[in-house]
Protein backbone atom coordinates (compact mmCIF):
# COMPACT_ATOMS: atom_id res chain seq x y z
CA UNK A 1 10.59 -6.74 14.31
CA UNK A 2 10.49 -5.66 10.67
CA UNK A 3 10.76 -2.02 9.62
CA UNK A 4 7.00 -1.95 8.95
CA UNK A 5 6.19 -3.44 12.37
CA UNK A 6 8.57 -1.00 14.08
CA UNK A 7 6.98 1.95 12.29
CA UNK A 8 3.42 0.99 13.21
CA UNK A 9 4.38 0.05 16.79
CA UNK A 10 6.10 3.42 17.24
CA UNK A 11 2.98 5.23 15.96
CA UNK A 12 0.73 3.21 18.28
CA UNK A 13 2.98 4.11 21.24
CA UNK A 14 2.45 7.79 20.37
CA UNK A 15 -1.31 7.16 19.94
CA UNK A 16 -1.00 8.10 16.27
CA UNK A 17 -2.39 6.36 13.19
CA UNK A 18 -0.46 5.24 10.14
CA UNK A 19 -0.79 7.07 6.82
CA UNK A 20 -0.07 4.79 3.87
CA UNK A 21 -0.34 6.49 0.46
CA UNK A 22 -0.22 4.55 -2.81
CA UNK A 23 1.23 5.67 -6.12
CA UNK A 24 1.83 3.69 -9.31
CA UNK A 25 5.52 3.43 -10.20
CA UNK A 26 6.20 5.19 -13.51
CA UNK A 27 3.09 7.41 -13.39
CA UNK A 28 2.80 10.14 -14.54
CA UNK A 29 6.39 9.59 -15.72
CA UNK A 30 9.30 7.40 -14.60
CA UNK A 31 11.36 10.52 -13.82
CA UNK A 32 8.79 11.67 -11.24
CA UNK A 33 8.45 8.45 -9.25
CA UNK A 34 11.30 8.87 -6.74
CA UNK A 35 10.56 12.59 -6.37
CA UNK A 36 6.94 11.73 -5.60
CA UNK A 37 8.00 9.12 -3.03
CA UNK A 38 10.07 11.73 -1.19
CA UNK A 39 7.19 14.24 -1.42
CA UNK A 40 4.83 11.71 0.19
CA UNK A 41 7.23 11.34 3.13
CA UNK A 42 7.63 15.12 3.43
CA UNK A 43 3.83 15.38 3.49
CA UNK A 44 3.58 12.93 6.38
CA UNK A 45 3.46 9.40 4.93
CA UNK A 46 4.55 6.64 7.33
CA UNK A 47 4.71 3.81 4.77
CA UNK A 48 4.61 4.00 0.96
CA UNK A 49 2.73 1.51 -1.20
CA UNK A 50 4.35 1.51 -4.64
CA UNK A 51 2.21 -0.04 -7.35
CA UNK A 52 3.86 -2.33 -9.90
CA UNK A 53 2.25 -1.52 -13.28
CA UNK A 54 0.26 -4.43 -14.70
CA UNK A 55 -1.87 -4.85 -17.81
CA UNK A 56 -4.86 -6.50 -16.08
CA UNK A 57 -5.18 -5.03 -12.57
CA UNK A 58 -8.41 -6.79 -11.54
CA UNK A 59 -8.80 -5.14 -8.12
CA UNK A 60 -8.11 -1.64 -9.35
CA UNK A 61 -10.74 0.84 -10.44
CA UNK A 62 -10.48 3.06 -13.51
CA UNK A 63 -8.19 5.66 -11.88
CA UNK A 64 -5.42 3.21 -10.97
CA UNK A 65 -5.97 1.31 -14.23
CA UNK A 66 -5.22 4.54 -16.11
CA UNK A 67 -2.07 5.04 -14.01
CA UNK A 68 -0.91 1.51 -14.89
CA UNK A 69 -1.59 2.12 -18.58
CA UNK A 70 0.44 5.34 -18.55
CA UNK A 71 3.36 3.63 -16.77
CA UNK A 72 3.27 0.65 -19.15
CA UNK A 73 3.48 3.02 -22.13
CA UNK A 74 6.85 4.10 -20.71
CA UNK A 75 7.82 0.43 -20.53
CA UNK A 76 7.97 0.40 -16.71
CA UNK A 77 8.16 -3.13 -15.32
CA UNK A 78 9.14 -4.87 -12.09
CA UNK A 79 12.89 -4.35 -12.54
CA UNK A 80 12.36 -0.60 -13.01
CA UNK A 81 10.22 -0.53 -9.86
CA UNK A 82 13.03 -2.16 -7.86
CA UNK A 83 15.43 0.44 -9.28
CA UNK A 84 13.12 3.25 -8.10
CA UNK A 85 13.29 1.79 -4.58
CA UNK A 86 17.11 1.68 -4.77
CA UNK A 87 17.18 5.35 -5.81
CA UNK A 88 14.74 6.28 -3.03
CA UNK A 89 16.96 4.50 -0.51
CA UNK A 90 19.94 6.71 -1.37
CA UNK A 91 18.34 9.49 0.69
CA UNK A 92 15.77 7.62 2.79
CA UNK A 93 16.57 4.39 4.61
CA UNK A 94 13.81 4.83 7.18
CA UNK A 95 10.40 4.88 5.46
CA UNK A 96 9.07 1.39 4.72
CA UNK A 97 8.20 0.66 1.08
CA UNK A 98 5.62 -1.97 0.15
CA UNK A 99 5.33 -3.17 -3.44
CA UNK A 100 1.71 -3.74 -4.41
CA UNK A 101 0.84 -5.67 -7.52
CA UNK A 102 -0.03 -8.97 -9.13
CA UNK A 103 1.50 -12.43 -9.34
CA UNK A 104 2.42 -12.47 -13.03
CA UNK A 105 5.51 -10.17 -12.96
CA UNK A 106 6.88 -11.97 -9.87
CA UNK A 107 6.28 -15.41 -11.40
CA UNK A 108 8.00 -14.32 -14.62
CA UNK A 109 11.06 -13.21 -12.67
CA UNK A 110 10.87 -16.24 -10.36
CA UNK A 111 9.97 -15.98 -6.68
CA UNK A 112 13.45 -16.62 -5.32
CA UNK A 113 15.15 -14.09 -7.60
CA UNK A 114 12.42 -11.53 -6.89
CA UNK A 115 12.79 -11.95 -3.11
CA UNK A 116 16.59 -11.62 -3.32
CA UNK A 117 16.43 -8.53 -5.54
CA UNK A 118 13.62 -6.90 -3.52
CA UNK A 119 15.57 -7.36 -0.28
CA UNK A 120 18.73 -5.95 -1.90
CA UNK A 121 16.81 -2.95 -3.29
CA UNK A 122 15.40 -2.04 0.13
CA UNK A 123 11.80 -3.27 -0.19
CA UNK A 124 10.12 -3.92 3.18
CA UNK A 125 6.94 -5.72 2.19
CA UNK A 126 4.91 -7.07 -0.70
CA UNK A 127 1.18 -7.24 -1.27
CA UNK A 128 0.35 -9.56 -4.17
CA UNK A 129 -3.36 -9.17 -4.88
CA UNK A 130 -3.80 -12.57 -6.51
CA UNK A 131 -1.60 -14.72 -4.24
CA UNK A 132 -4.20 -16.64 -2.21
CA UNK A 133 -3.15 -17.22 1.42
CA UNK A 134 -3.84 -20.95 0.98
CA UNK A 135 -0.88 -21.14 -1.43
CA UNK A 136 1.37 -18.53 0.14
CA UNK A 137 2.98 -20.04 3.23
CA UNK A 138 6.28 -20.86 1.51
CA UNK A 139 6.50 -17.44 -0.17
CA UNK A 140 5.70 -15.66 3.13
CA UNK A 141 8.31 -17.73 4.99
CA UNK A 142 10.99 -16.87 2.41
CA UNK A 143 10.01 -13.21 2.57
CA UNK A 144 10.28 -13.18 6.35
CA UNK A 145 13.66 -14.92 6.20
CA UNK A 146 14.84 -12.01 4.07
CA UNK A 147 13.45 -9.37 6.46
CA UNK A 148 10.33 -8.54 4.44
CA UNK A 149 6.63 -8.74 5.28
CA UNK A 150 3.87 -10.35 3.24
CA UNK A 151 0.69 -8.30 3.39
CA UNK A 152 -2.75 -9.67 2.57
CA UNK A 153 -6.08 -8.20 1.65
CA UNK A 154 -9.27 -8.86 3.59
CA UNK A 155 -12.69 -7.76 2.40
CA UNK A 156 -16.26 -7.28 3.72
CA UNK A 157 -17.02 -10.74 2.30
CA UNK A 158 -14.09 -12.47 4.09
CA UNK A 159 -15.24 -15.38 6.23
CA UNK A 160 -13.90 -16.03 9.73
CA UNK A 161 -12.03 -19.04 8.28
CA UNK A 162 -10.30 -16.83 5.69
CA UNK A 163 -9.47 -14.18 8.30
CA UNK A 164 -7.98 -16.86 10.56
CA UNK A 165 -5.90 -18.23 7.68
CA UNK A 166 -4.55 -14.76 6.83
CA UNK A 167 -3.85 -14.18 10.52
CA UNK A 168 -1.51 -17.18 10.58
CA UNK A 169 0.79 -15.96 7.81
CA UNK A 170 0.33 -12.18 7.52
CA UNK A 171 3.07 -9.92 8.80
CA UNK A 172 3.54 -6.16 8.82
CA UNK A 173 -0.14 -5.27 8.54
CA UNK A 174 -3.27 -6.49 6.79
CA UNK A 175 -5.08 -4.31 4.30
CA UNK A 176 -8.83 -4.29 4.83
CA UNK A 177 -10.68 -3.39 1.65
CA UNK A 178 -13.59 -1.39 3.02
CA UNK A 179 -15.84 -1.67 -0.04
CA UNK A 180 -17.22 -4.41 -2.23
CA UNK A 181 -15.85 -3.54 -5.66
CA UNK A 182 -12.73 -1.93 -7.03
CA UNK A 183 -10.48 0.86 -5.77
CA UNK A 184 -11.87 4.36 -5.80
CA UNK A 185 -15.50 3.24 -5.98
CA UNK A 186 -18.58 3.72 -3.84
CA UNK A 187 -19.17 5.41 -0.52
CA UNK A 188 -17.66 4.27 2.74
CA UNK A 189 -19.91 2.91 5.45
CA UNK A 190 -18.04 3.68 8.66
CA UNK A 191 -20.38 1.56 10.79
CA UNK A 192 -19.74 -1.47 8.60
CA UNK A 193 -15.97 -0.94 8.88
CA UNK A 194 -16.26 -0.48 12.66
CA UNK A 195 -18.16 -3.79 12.89
CA UNK A 196 -15.60 -5.66 10.81
CA UNK A 197 -12.36 -4.55 12.49
CA UNK A 198 -13.01 -6.44 15.78
CA UNK A 199 -13.78 -9.59 13.76
CA UNK A 200 -10.42 -9.23 12.04
CA UNK A 201 -8.55 -8.41 15.26
CA UNK A 202 -9.87 -11.59 16.85
CA UNK A 203 -7.70 -13.62 14.47
CA UNK A 204 -5.06 -11.17 13.21
CA UNK A 205 -2.31 -9.97 15.53
CA UNK A 206 -0.75 -7.40 13.17
CA UNK A 207 -2.14 -3.87 12.66
CA UNK A 208 -5.08 -3.33 10.31
CA UNK A 209 -4.92 -0.68 7.61
CA UNK A 210 -8.13 0.31 5.82
CA UNK A 211 -8.33 1.50 2.23
CA UNK A 212 -10.62 1.90 -0.81
CA UNK A 213 -12.87 4.97 -0.83
CA UNK A 214 -10.86 7.31 1.44
CA UNK A 215 -10.91 10.62 -0.37
CA UNK A 216 -10.15 13.37 2.16
CA UNK A 217 -8.88 14.18 5.61
CA UNK A 218 -12.27 13.93 7.30
CA UNK A 219 -12.90 10.41 5.94
CA UNK A 220 -9.35 9.37 6.83
CA UNK A 221 -9.82 10.60 10.41
CA UNK A 222 -13.15 8.75 10.73
CA UNK A 223 -11.62 5.50 9.44
CA UNK A 224 -8.53 5.94 11.64
CA UNK A 225 -10.81 6.09 14.68
CA UNK A 226 -11.53 2.37 14.20
CA UNK A 227 -8.31 1.17 12.48
CA UNK A 228 -4.52 1.34 12.89
CA UNK A 229 -3.77 2.99 9.54
CA UNK A 230 -5.43 4.42 6.45
CA UNK A 231 -4.45 3.66 2.85
CA UNK A 232 -5.12 6.23 0.11
CA UNK A 233 -4.50 5.56 -3.58
CA UNK A 234 -6.99 6.64 -6.24
CA UNK A 235 -7.39 10.12 -4.77
CA UNK A 236 -3.62 10.77 -5.01
CA UNK A 237 -3.54 9.67 -8.64
CA UNK A 238 -6.46 12.03 -9.35
CA UNK A 239 -4.39 14.87 -7.85
CA UNK A 240 -1.69 14.05 -10.41
CA UNK A 241 -4.21 13.78 -13.26
CA UNK A 242 -5.77 17.13 -12.36
CA UNK A 243 -2.46 19.02 -12.06
CA UNK A 244 -0.12 20.40 -14.68
CA UNK A 245 3.01 18.19 -14.83
CA UNK A 246 5.14 20.82 -13.11
CA UNK A 247 2.62 21.14 -10.24
CA UNK A 248 1.90 17.44 -9.61
CA UNK A 249 4.46 16.82 -6.88
CA UNK A 250 3.44 19.93 -4.92
CA UNK A 251 -0.26 19.03 -5.25
CA UNK A 252 0.32 15.52 -3.90
CA UNK A 253 2.46 16.77 -1.02
CA UNK A 254 -0.18 19.36 -0.11
CA UNK A 255 -2.98 16.78 -0.20
CA UNK A 256 -1.05 14.30 1.99
CA UNK A 257 -0.13 17.08 4.43
CA UNK A 258 -3.83 17.87 4.80
CA UNK A 259 -4.66 14.24 5.53
CA UNK A 260 -1.78 14.02 8.04
CA UNK A 261 -3.08 17.11 9.87
CA UNK A 262 -6.59 15.64 9.98
CA UNK A 263 -5.26 12.35 11.39
CA UNK A 264 -3.18 14.08 14.06
CA UNK A 265 -5.69 16.81 14.89
C-alpha cells in the first residue's frame, strides 16, 4: 500500500475522516510554504495538496488564481515546488504530499524526469487536472512503479463510463468536485453529493475525497458524513489573504484545527 492508502485506511479503521487542505506553493511567499505545510499538519491535516503555480489554471476560481499569480511573481515553478517537499521531509516523513497542478510544467520537464525527481523529493501522489484518464495509463503505471499515486477528478457531470475508466487507473483516492464550476464557487448541495458518492463507489475502489465549496467545519462535517475525506483550498488561501503576513500561519493553523475538531466531534 502507498503512504496515501495507508493513511486513509488507518483513518477508516478509527472511523475518522481524512482532512486534505490545499495551499499554493510560493504563496504568499516562498519562505512561508514549508512553514505553512507544517502548520497544516499541526492543525490536523492528514494529507497535504500542494498546488504547483500555473499561469492558466482553468479549474481554479479567482482565489486560487490570485495565489498562483502571487507565486509566479516570485518565480516559483515546478523545481521549486519539489524543493519545498524536500525541505518539508527533513522534519516530516509521515504526512503524504500530493502535487496538484496542470500538464504543461510536467511536460516541459518530461514525464520520466518529473516522476524520478518527485519520488526522490518525497512526493506521494500527483493530481494533474488536464491529464485525461484515457491518455494516462502509462503515466499512472510509471507513478505506481515509483511508489506514487495518480489521483483523478470526477465531477457531477461524470458519466458512469468515465467513472469506470477512472476506477481502473486511479490510486490513492479520487477527488470528487462537488460543484459545477471552478473552485471556491457556489453553494454545496449535500443531497446531490450524497446521491453521487454511491455511483462513484460502484466503480472506484479507492477512497473518495470531496472538495470545492467547503468553507467551514459544519460543511466539512456534513460532507464527511457521505465521503471518506474533505478537501479545502480556497478558504485557506482567503485566511492568508485576510491576515497580516506575520499572522498568516497562525490563522491557517487555527482554521484547520477548527475543521479537524468538527470532523472528529
